[in-house]
Amino acid sequence: MNKRVIVTGANGTFGRLLGERLTAAGASVVGIDLVAADGPVPVLACDLTSAAAVPATVAEAVERLGGLDLLINNAGVGGPAPAELPPDEVVARQLEVNLLAAWRTTAAALPALEAARGRVVFVASRMAVLPLPLAAAYGVSKRALVAYADALRLEVGSHVGVSVVYPSMVASPIHDTTAAAGLSLQGVSRMEPADGVVTAILRAATARKAPRAVATTGRGRLEMAIARHFPSLADAMVRRTVAARLAAGAFDNAPLAAGMIRRHDPLA
């Protein structure tokens, strides 16, 4: 793979694996993350929420690579955020990193991508099409990311391929804050291996024609199809699963779930 690649969130679970797989395949890769790192994949330090910092960092990465064939917008954060509560700094952070950072990075990279007739791959989430309660900010930010990708495809798709990949739940630090709040998705969303997600991202990046949407598992394809074509059925599936978790006391120690617990209490 003789490609010049930028990967955001390069120090994270997917980012490290992407760097390893891409370099092993012969690609030249520069990562971008909050903290710089040396190694086979050099990582440039950049706060992707900074409108001033992103263009300069992307320009440096493109200069190091001698051009750009592929941008993988992988950076992301999670956190608990019930939709019934007012948005706070956790919500703002997820919107900034999951949506606006990818928007800024893509805008900065587009001239180089267009010159190379390259591609951009967005790492979204199954929650962009099949939302879960108590994590509204994550689902909203990822759905907005998909909407951005759709608009971008209409504008630049004749010259730059635009793909979105939809992983489900992977064991990674992105879930730490949610678990610490007593809102673990265990039992609600099924785990999948990180390596499979990376394979799906690379499949999107190397397909002869850039695919619009890429599920990472067969179950994921089914869930996405149900969510898109039978949304009421998808809602019922989620409600039933969450109701079972509530009945089992899974969220009893989670103050942020108090509203749902009260509404599901048959004695209330």
C-alpha atoms as a PDB file:
ATOM      1  CA  MET A   1       0.000   0.000   0.000  1.00  0.00           C
ATOM      2  CA  ASN A   2       1.927   2.993  -1.280  1.00  0.00           C
ATOM      3  CA  LYS A   3      -0.243   5.546   0.539  1.00  0.00           C
ATOM      4  CA  ARG A   4       0.446   8.690   2.552  1.00  0.00           C
ATOM      5  CA  VAL A   5      -1.834   8.630   5.589  1.00  0.00           C
ATOM      6  CA  ILE A   6      -2.827  10.839   8.524  1.00  0.00           C
ATOM      7  CA  VAL A   7      -4.513   9.147  11.488  1.00  0.00           C
ATOM      8  CA  THR A   8      -6.060  11.247  14.248  1.00  0.00           C
ATOM      9  CA  GLY A   9      -6.317   9.823  17.743  1.00  0.00           C
ATOM     10  CA  ALA A  10      -3.127   7.967  16.873  1.00  0.00           C
ATOM     11  CA  ASN A  11      -2.236   7.094  20.483  1.00  0.00           C
ATOM     12  CA  GLY A  12      -5.574   5.429  21.174  1.00  0.00           C
ATOM     13  CA  THR A  13      -6.757   1.841  20.801  1.00  0.00           C
ATOM     14  CA  PHE A  14      -7.691   2.022  17.119  1.00  0.00           C
ATOM     15  CA  GLY A  15      -5.011   4.594  16.293  1.00  0.00           C
ATOM     16  CA  ARG A  16      -2.107   2.421  17.394  1.00  0.00           C
ATOM     17  CA  LEU A  17      -3.452  -0.611  15.553  1.00  0.00           C
ATOM     18  CA  LEU A  18      -4.078   1.434  12.419  1.00  0.00           C
ATOM     19  CA  GLY A  19      -0.515   2.760  12.489  1.00  0.00           C
ATOM     20  CA  GLU A  20       0.902  -0.735  12.865  1.00  0.00           C
ATOM     21  CA  ARG A  21      -1.243  -2.263  10.123  1.00  0.00           C
ATOM     22  CA  LEU A  22      -0.728   0.593   7.684  1.00  0.00           C
ATOM     23  CA  THR A  23       3.052   0.720   8.070  1.00  0.00           C
ATOM     24  CA  ALA A  24       3.266  -3.072   7.803  1.00  0.00           C
ATOM     25  CA  ALA A  25       1.416  -2.771   4.486  1.00  0.00           C
ATOM     26  CA  GLY A  26       3.932  -0.216   3.215  1.00  0.00           C
ATOM     27  CA  ALA A  27       2.090   3.036   3.877  1.00  0.00           C
ATOM     28  CA  SER A  28       3.730   6.192   5.214  1.00  0.00           C
ATOM     29  CA  VAL A  29       1.806   7.328   8.298  1.00  0.00           C
ATOM     30  CA  VAL A  30       1.833  10.404  10.511  1.00  0.00           C
ATOM     31  CA  GLY A  31      -0.406  10.460  13.558  1.00  0.00           C
ATOM     32  CA  ILE A  32      -2.025  13.383  15.343  1.00  0.00           C
ATOM     33  CA  ASP A  33      -2.975  13.270  19.031  1.00  0.00           C
ATOM     34  CA  LEU A  34      -2.882  15.400  22.154  1.00  0.00           C
ATOM     35  CA  VAL A  35       0.558  14.045  23.079  1.00  0.00           C
ATOM     36  CA  ALA A  36       3.453  13.676  20.646  1.00  0.00           C
ATOM     37  CA  ALA A  37       5.195  10.317  20.263  1.00  0.00           C
ATOM     38  CA  ASP A  38       8.238   8.973  18.451  1.00  0.00           C
ATOM     39  CA  GLY A  39       8.446   5.572  16.842  1.00  0.00           C
ATOM     40  CA  PRO A  40       7.620   3.854  13.565  1.00  0.00           C
ATOM     41  CA  VAL A  41       4.582   6.131  13.380  1.00  0.00           C
ATOM     42  CA  PRO A  42       5.512   9.676  14.421  1.00  0.00           C
ATOM     43  CA  VAL A  43       2.684  11.400  16.288  1.00  0.00           C
ATOM     44  CA  LEU A  44       2.362  15.186  16.208  1.00  0.00           C
ATOM     45  CA  ALA A  45       0.916  16.893  19.262  1.00  0.00           C
ATOM     46  CA  CYS A  46      -2.235  18.895  18.596  1.00  0.00           C
ATOM     47  CA  ASP A  47      -5.424  19.838  20.402  1.00  0.00           C
ATOM     48  CA  LEU A  48      -7.920  19.032  17.661  1.00  0.00           C
ATOM     49  CA  THR A  49     -10.486  21.293  19.329  1.00  0.00           C
ATOM     50  CA  SER A  50      -8.256  24.307  18.615  1.00  0.00           C
ATOM     51  CA  ALA A  51      -9.233  26.089  15.421  1.00  0.00           C
ATOM     52  CA  ALA A  52      -5.839  27.804  15.382  1.00  0.00           C
ATOM     53  CA  ALA A  53      -3.700  24.702  15.936  1.00  0.00           C
ATOM     54  CA  VAL A  54      -5.278  22.210  13.537  1.00  0.00           C
ATOM     55  CA  PRO A  55      -4.392  23.759  10.142  1.00  0.00           C
ATOM     56  CA  ALA A  56      -0.714  24.150  11.063  1.00  0.00           C
ATOM     57  CA  THR A  57      -0.448  20.598  12.396  1.00  0.00           C
ATOM     58  CA  VAL A  58      -2.172  19.093   9.371  1.00  0.00           C
ATOM     59  CA  ALA A  59       0.110  21.141   7.093  1.00  0.00           C
ATOM     60  CA  GLU A  60       3.155  19.811   8.952  1.00  0.00           C
ATOM     61  CA  ALA A  61       1.907  16.238   8.594  1.00  0.00           C
ATOM     62  CA  VAL A  62       1.257  16.694   4.864  1.00  0.00           C
ATOM     63  CA  GLU A  63       4.704  18.206   4.407  1.00  0.00           C
ATOM     64  CA  ARG A  64       6.344  15.264   6.190  1.00  0.00           C
ATOM     65  CA  LEU A  65       4.449  12.824   4.013  1.00  0.00           C
ATOM     66  CA  GLY A  66       5.003  14.720   0.778  1.00  0.00           C
ATOM     67  CA  GLY A  67       1.261  14.822   0.110  1.00  0.00           C
ATOM     68  CA  LEU A  68      -1.802  13.029   1.376  1.00  0.00           C
ATOM     69  CA  ASP A  69      -3.799  10.087   0.052  1.00  0.00           C
ATOM     70  CA  LEU A  70      -5.846   9.119   3.083  1.00  0.00           C
ATOM     71  CA  LEU A  71      -7.176  10.834   6.221  1.00  0.00           C
ATOM     72  CA  ILE A  72      -8.625   8.632   8.944  1.00  0.00           C
ATOM     73  CA  ASN A  73     -10.640  10.693  11.437  1.00  0.00           C
ATOM     74  CA  ASN A  74     -10.397   8.343  14.387  1.00  0.00           C
ATOM     75  CA  ALA A  75     -10.111  10.685  17.392  1.00  0.00           C
ATOM     76  CA  GLY A  76     -13.061  10.481  19.763  1.00  0.00           C
ATOM     77  CA  VAL A  77     -14.194  10.718  23.374  1.00  0.00           C
ATOM     78  CA  GLY A  78     -17.150   9.340  25.310  1.00  0.00           C
ATOM     79  CA  GLY A  79     -18.893   9.968  28.580  1.00  0.00           C
ATOM     80  CA  PRO A  80     -22.264   9.722  30.332  1.00  0.00           C
ATOM     81  CA  ALA A  81     -24.885  12.250  29.261  1.00  0.00           C
ATOM     82  CA  PRO A  82     -28.595  11.589  29.891  1.00  0.00           C
ATOM     83  CA  ALA A  83     -30.761  13.393  27.349  1.00  0.00           C
ATOM     84  CA  GLU A  84     -33.164  14.546  30.079  1.00  0.00           C
ATOM     85  CA  LEU A  85     -30.489  16.635  31.819  1.00  0.00           C
ATOM     86  CA  PRO A  86     -29.086  19.986  30.629  1.00  0.00           C
ATOM     87  CA  PRO A  87     -25.934  19.756  28.503  1.00  0.00           C
ATOM     88  CA  ASP A  88     -22.719  20.270  30.465  1.00  0.00           C
ATOM     89  CA  GLU A  89     -18.985  20.306  29.775  1.00  0.00           C
ATOM     90  CA  VAL A  90     -19.032  16.540  29.125  1.00  0.00           C
ATOM     91  CA  VAL A  91     -21.541  17.077  26.326  1.00  0.00           C
ATOM     92  CA  ALA A  92     -19.615  20.049  24.918  1.00  0.00           C
ATOM     93  CA  ARG A  93     -16.375  18.055  24.934  1.00  0.00           C
ATOM     94  CA  GLN A  94     -17.909  15.190  22.975  1.00  0.00           C
ATOM     95  CA  LEU A  95     -19.371  17.515  20.376  1.00  0.00           C
ATOM     96  CA  GLU A  96     -16.041  19.322  20.047  1.00  0.00           C
ATOM     97  CA  VAL A  97     -13.906  16.195  19.666  1.00  0.00           C
ATOM     98  CA  ASN A  98     -16.260  13.802  17.896  1.00  0.00           C
ATOM     99  CA  LEU A  99     -17.707  16.288  15.410  1.00  0.00           C
ATOM    100  CA  LEU A 100     -15.945  19.637  15.183  1.00  0.00           C
ATOM    101  CA  ALA A 101     -12.401  18.282  15.466  1.00  0.00           C
ATOM    102  CA  ALA A 102     -13.044  15.921  12.562  1.00  0.00           C
ATOM    103  CA  TRP A 103     -14.593  18.800  10.599  1.00  0.00           C
ATOM    104  CA  ARG A 104     -11.573  21.045  11.219  1.00  0.00           C
ATOM    105  CA  THR A 105      -9.070  18.328  10.380  1.00  0.00           C
ATOM    106  CA  THR A 106     -10.884  17.368   7.200  1.00  0.00           C
ATOM    107  CA  ALA A 107     -11.161  20.972   6.031  1.00  0.00           C
ATOM    108  CA  ALA A 108      -7.437  21.474   6.589  1.00  0.00           C
ATOM    109  CA  ALA A 109      -6.565  18.260   4.725  1.00  0.00           C
ATOM    110  CA  LEU A 110      -8.926  18.636   1.761  1.00  0.00           C
ATOM    111  CA  PRO A 111      -6.620  20.563  -0.602  1.00  0.00           C
ATOM    112  CA  ALA A 112      -3.988  17.811  -0.355  1.00  0.00           C
ATOM    113  CA  LEU A 113      -6.597  15.052  -0.582  1.00  0.00           C
ATOM    114  CA  GLU A 114      -8.182  16.609  -3.649  1.00  0.00           C
ATOM    115  CA  ALA A 115      -4.812  16.978  -5.345  1.00  0.00           C
ATOM    116  CA  ALA A 116      -4.169  13.260  -4.814  1.00  0.00           C
ATOM    117  CA  ARG A 117      -7.756  12.155  -5.510  1.00  0.00           C
ATOM    118  CA  GLY A 118      -7.596  10.695  -2.027  1.00  0.00           C
ATOM    119  CA  ARG A 119     -10.025   9.514   0.614  1.00  0.00           C
ATOM    120  CA  VAL A 120     -11.297  10.394   4.054  1.00  0.00           C
ATOM    121  CA  VAL A 121     -12.650   7.774   6.448  1.00  0.00           C
ATOM    122  CA  PHE A 122     -14.711   8.771   9.495  1.00  0.00           C
ATOM    123  CA  VAL A 123     -14.893   6.416  12.457  1.00  0.00           C
ATOM    124  CA  ALA A 124     -18.435   6.904  13.741  1.00  0.00           C
ATOM    125  CA  SER A 125     -20.352   4.452  15.947  1.00  0.00           C
ATOM    126  CA  ARG A 126     -23.293   2.096  15.762  1.00  0.00           C
ATOM    127  CA  MET A 127     -24.897   4.578  18.148  1.00  0.00           C
ATOM    128  CA  ALA A 128     -25.118   7.034  15.263  1.00  0.00           C
ATOM    129  CA  VAL A 129     -27.980   4.923  13.898  1.00  0.00           C
ATOM    130  CA  LEU A 130     -29.007   2.871  16.943  1.00  0.00           C
ATOM    131  CA  PRO A 131     -28.871   5.258  19.927  1.00  0.00           C
ATOM    132  CA  LEU A 132     -28.777   4.146  23.551  1.00  0.00           C
ATOM    133  CA  PRO A 133     -30.135   6.018  26.576  1.00  0.00           C
ATOM    134  CA  LEU A 134     -27.875   7.758  29.107  1.00  0.00           C
ATOM    135  CA  ALA A 135     -25.229   8.428  26.439  1.00  0.00           C
ATOM    136  CA  ALA A 136     -27.013  11.082  24.408  1.00  0.00           C
ATOM    137  CA  ALA A 137     -23.957  13.241  23.692  1.00  0.00           C
ATOM    138  CA  TYR A 138     -22.038  10.373  22.134  1.00  0.00           C
ATOM    139  CA  GLY A 139     -24.923   9.317  19.912  1.00  0.00           C
ATOM    140  CA  VAL A 140     -25.735  12.890  18.933  1.00  0.00           C
ATOM    141  CA  SER A 141     -22.105  13.745  18.134  1.00  0.00           C
ATOM    142  CA  LYS A 142     -21.622  10.601  16.048  1.00  0.00           C
ATOM    143  CA  ARG A 143     -24.903  11.075  14.188  1.00  0.00           C
ATOM    144  CA  ALA A 144     -23.868  14.653  13.470  1.00  0.00           C
ATOM    145  CA  LEU A 145     -20.520  13.333  12.222  1.00  0.00           C
ATOM    146  CA  VAL A 146     -22.367  11.113   9.750  1.00  0.00           C
ATOM    147  CA  ALA A 147     -24.452  14.103   8.611  1.00  0.00           C
ATOM    148  CA  TYR A 148     -21.228  16.034   8.057  1.00  0.00           C
ATOM    149  CA  ALA A 149     -19.768  13.154   6.048  1.00  0.00           C
ATOM    150  CA  ASP A 150     -22.919  13.025   3.915  1.00  0.00           C
ATOM    151  CA  ALA A 151     -22.722  16.758   3.159  1.00  0.00           C
ATOM    152  CA  LEU A 152     -19.000  16.504   2.455  1.00  0.00           C
ATOM    153  CA  ARG A 153     -19.582  13.638   0.016  1.00  0.00           C
ATOM    154  CA  LEU A 154     -22.030  15.767  -1.958  1.00  0.00           C
ATOM    155  CA  GLU A 155     -19.513  18.597  -2.161  1.00  0.00           C
ATOM    156  CA  VAL A 156     -16.228  16.791  -2.837  1.00  0.00           C
ATOM    157  CA  GLY A 157     -17.221  13.229  -3.738  1.00  0.00           C
ATOM    158  CA  SER A 158     -16.259  13.664  -7.386  1.00  0.00           C
ATOM    159  CA  HIS A 159     -12.623  14.075  -6.303  1.00  0.00           C
ATOM    160  CA  VAL A 160     -12.344  12.665  -2.762  1.00  0.00           C
ATOM    161  CA  GLY A 161     -13.861   9.410  -1.519  1.00  0.00           C
ATOM    162  CA  VAL A 162     -15.846   9.723   1.725  1.00  0.00           C
ATOM    163  CA  SER A 163     -16.610   6.680   3.897  1.00  0.00           C
ATOM    164  CA  VAL A 164     -18.052   6.165   7.374  1.00  0.00           C
ATOM    165  CA  VAL A 165     -17.283   3.116   9.539  1.00  0.00           C
ATOM    166  CA  TYR A 166     -19.685   2.090  12.321  1.00  0.00           C
ATOM    167  CA  PRO A 167     -18.047   0.106  15.156  1.00  0.00           C
ATOM    168  CA  SER A 168     -19.993  -1.186  18.123  1.00  0.00           C
ATOM    169  CA  MET A 169     -18.497  -1.454  21.615  1.00  0.00           C
ATOM    170  CA  VAL A 170     -14.786  -2.219  21.908  1.00  0.00           C
ATOM    171  CA  ALA A 171     -12.822  -2.601  25.129  1.00  0.00           C
ATOM    172  CA  SER A 172     -11.045   0.751  25.324  1.00  0.00           C
ATOM    173  CA  PRO A 173     -10.476   3.674  27.727  1.00  0.00           C
ATOM    174  CA  ILE A 174     -13.189   5.655  25.909  1.00  0.00           C
ATOM    175  CA  HIS A 175     -15.735   3.850  28.109  1.00  0.00           C
ATOM    176  CA  ASP A 176     -13.956   4.494  31.419  1.00  0.00           C
ATOM    177  CA  THR A 177     -15.895   7.604  32.434  1.00  0.00           C
ATOM    178  CA  THR A 178     -19.223   5.977  31.588  1.00  0.00           C
ATOM    179  CA  ALA A 179     -18.358   2.879  33.609  1.00  0.00           C
ATOM    180  CA  ALA A 180     -17.163   5.033  36.520  1.00  0.00           C
ATOM    181  CA  ALA A 181     -20.587   6.706  36.558  1.00  0.00           C
ATOM    182  CA  GLY A 182     -22.216   3.283  36.959  1.00  0.00           C
ATOM    183  CA  LEU A 183     -23.537   3.308  33.389  1.00  0.00           C
ATOM    184  CA  SER A 184     -21.546   0.515  31.788  1.00  0.00           C
ATOM    185  CA  LEU A 185     -22.878  -0.621  28.424  1.00  0.00           C
ATOM    186  CA  GLN A 186     -22.103  -4.228  29.268  1.00  0.00           C
ATOM    187  CA  GLY A 187     -25.210  -6.261  28.504  1.00  0.00           C
ATOM    188  CA  VAL A 188     -26.642  -3.480  26.331  1.00  0.00           C
ATOM    189  CA  SER A 189     -24.084  -3.354  23.538  1.00  0.00           C
ATOM    190  CA  ARG A 190     -22.117  -6.418  22.437  1.00  0.00           C
ATOM    191  CA  MET A 191     -18.320  -6.274  22.517  1.00  0.00           C
ATOM    192  CA  GLU A 192     -16.330  -6.748  19.323  1.00  0.00           C
ATOM    193  CA  PRO A 193     -12.565  -7.064  18.796  1.00  0.00           C
ATOM    194  CA  ALA A 194     -10.596  -3.913  18.048  1.00  0.00           C
ATOM    195  CA  ASP A 195      -8.676  -5.688  15.300  1.00  0.00           C
ATOM    196  CA  GLY A 196     -11.931  -6.325  13.438  1.00  0.00           C
ATOM    197  CA  VAL A 197     -12.779  -2.632  13.545  1.00  0.00           C
ATOM    198  CA  VAL A 198      -9.358  -1.755  12.155  1.00  0.00           C
ATOM    199  CA  THR A 199      -9.859  -4.309   9.371  1.00  0.00           C
ATOM    200  CA  ALA A 200     -13.160  -2.638   8.464  1.00  0.00           C
ATOM    201  CA  ILE A 201     -11.523   0.812   8.424  1.00  0.00           C
ATOM    202  CA  LEU A 202      -8.779  -0.435   6.114  1.00  0.00           C
ATOM    203  CA  ARG A 203     -11.351  -2.163   3.926  1.00  0.00           C
ATOM    204  CA  ALA A 204     -13.121   1.163   3.492  1.00  0.00           C
ATOM    205  CA  ALA A 205      -9.821   2.900   2.775  1.00  0.00           C
ATOM    206  CA  THR A 206      -8.638   0.439   0.122  1.00  0.00           C
ATOM    207  CA  ALA A 207     -11.843  -0.571  -1.668  1.00  0.00           C
ATOM    208  CA  ARG A 208     -11.837   0.125  -5.397  1.00  0.00           C
ATOM    209  CA  LYS A 209     -14.664   2.618  -4.880  1.00  0.00           C
ATOM    210  CA  ALA A 210     -15.094   4.378  -1.536  1.00  0.00           C
ATOM    211  CA  PRO A 211     -18.047   2.716   0.258  1.00  0.00           C
ATOM    212  CA  ARG A 212     -20.599   5.007   1.832  1.00  0.00           C
ATOM    213  CA  ALA A 213     -21.172   3.054   5.061  1.00  0.00           C
ATOM    214  CA  VAL A 214     -19.206   0.127   6.490  1.00  0.00           C
ATOM    215  CA  ALA A 215     -20.414  -2.043   9.374  1.00  0.00           C
ATOM    216  CA  THR A 216     -17.708  -3.876  11.290  1.00  0.00           C
ATOM    217  CA  THR A 217     -19.618  -7.141  11.879  1.00  0.00           C
ATOM    218  CA  GLY A 218     -22.526  -9.075  10.406  1.00  0.00           C
ATOM    219  CA  ARG A 219     -24.560  -8.276  13.519  1.00  0.00           C
ATOM    220  CA  GLY A 220     -23.706  -4.622  12.977  1.00  0.00           C
ATOM    221  CA  ARG A 221     -25.051  -4.710   9.425  1.00  0.00           C
ATOM    222  CA  LEU A 222     -28.290  -6.232  10.702  1.00  0.00           C
ATOM    223  CA  GLU A 223     -28.664  -3.674  13.504  1.00  0.00           C
ATOM    224  CA  MET A 224     -28.014  -0.800  11.110  1.00  0.00           C
ATOM    225  CA  ALA A 225     -30.560  -2.149   8.627  1.00  0.00           C
ATOM    226  CA  ILE A 226     -33.205  -2.488  11.349  1.00  0.00           C
ATOM    227  CA  ALA A 227     -32.473   0.998  12.685  1.00  0.00           C
ATOM    228  CA  ARG A 228     -32.756   2.587   9.235  1.00  0.00           C
ATOM    229  CA  HIS A 229     -35.730   0.685   7.836  1.00  0.00           C
ATOM    230  CA  PHE A 230     -37.658  -0.300  10.987  1.00  0.00           C
ATOM    231  CA  PRO A 231     -36.902   2.425  13.554  1.00  0.00           C
ATOM    232  CA  SER A 232     -39.861   1.543  15.775  1.00  0.00           C
ATOM    233  CA  LEU A 233     -38.627  -2.037  16.009  1.00  0.00           C
ATOM    234  CA  ALA A 234     -35.126  -0.777  16.840  1.00  0.00           C
ATOM    235  CA  ASP A 235     -36.551   1.413  19.619  1.00  0.00           C
ATOM    236  CA  ALA A 236     -38.474  -1.535  21.025  1.00  0.00           C
ATOM    237  CA  MET A 237     -35.342  -3.716  20.999  1.00  0.00           C
ATOM    238  CA  VAL A 238     -33.357  -1.121  22.924  1.00  0.00           C
ATOM    239  CA  ARG A 239     -36.172  -0.416  25.380  1.00  0.00           C
ATOM    240  CA  ARG A 240     -36.583  -4.110  26.155  1.00  0.00           C
ATOM    241  CA  THR A 241     -32.861  -4.612  26.730  1.00  0.00           C
ATOM    242  CA  VAL A 242     -32.548  -1.510  28.915  1.00  0.00           C
ATOM    243  CA  ALA A 243     -35.669  -2.433  30.896  1.00  0.00           C
ATOM    244  CA  ALA A 244     -34.131  -5.817  31.672  1.00  0.00           C
ATOM    245  CA  ARG A 245     -30.933  -4.138  32.833  1.00  0.00           C
ATOM    246  CA  LEU A 246     -32.891  -1.742  35.037  1.00  0.00           C
ATOM    247  CA  ALA A 247     -34.898  -4.598  36.544  1.00  0.00           C
ATOM    248  CA  ALA A 248     -31.649  -6.402  37.317  1.00  0.00           C
ATOM    249  CA  GLY A 249     -30.393  -3.353  39.234  1.00  0.00           C
ATOM    250  CA  ALA A 250     -27.544  -2.663  36.822  1.00  0.00           C
ATOM    251  CA  PHE A 251     -27.904   1.105  37.234  1.00  0.00           C
ATOM    252  CA  ASP A 252     -28.866   1.277  40.917  1.00  0.00           C
ATOM    253  CA  ASN A 253     -25.581   2.975  41.840  1.00  0.00           C
ATOM    254  CA  ALA A 254     -25.744   5.477  38.992  1.00  0.00           C
ATOM    255  CA  PRO A 255     -27.194   8.869  40.052  1.00  0.00           C
ATOM    256  CA  LEU A 256     -27.483   9.902  36.399  1.00  0.00           C
ATOM    257  CA  ALA A 257     -29.913   7.036  35.812  1.00  0.00           C
ATOM    258  CA  ALA A 258     -32.241   8.082  38.649  1.00  0.00           C
ATOM    259  CA  GLY A 259     -34.891   9.388  36.265  1.00  0.00           C
ATOM    260  CA  MET A 260     -35.044   6.159  34.270  1.00  0.00           C
ATOM    261  CA  ILE A 261     -35.067   4.047  37.429  1.00  0.00           C
ATOM    262  CA  ARG A 262     -37.993   6.069  38.808  1.00  0.00           C
ATOM    263  CA  ARG A 263     -39.973   5.821  35.575  1.00  0.00           C
ATOM    264  CA  HIS A 264     -39.443   2.058  35.377  1.00  0.00           C
ATOM    265  CA  ASP A 265     -40.482   1.490  38.999  1.00  0.00           C
ATOM    266  CA  PRO A 266     -43.914  -0.216  38.916  1.00  0.00           C
ATOM    267  CA  LEU A 267     -44.655   1.254  42.370  1.00  0.00           C
ATOM    268  CA  ALA A 268     -43.854   4.826  41.358  1.00  0.00           C
END
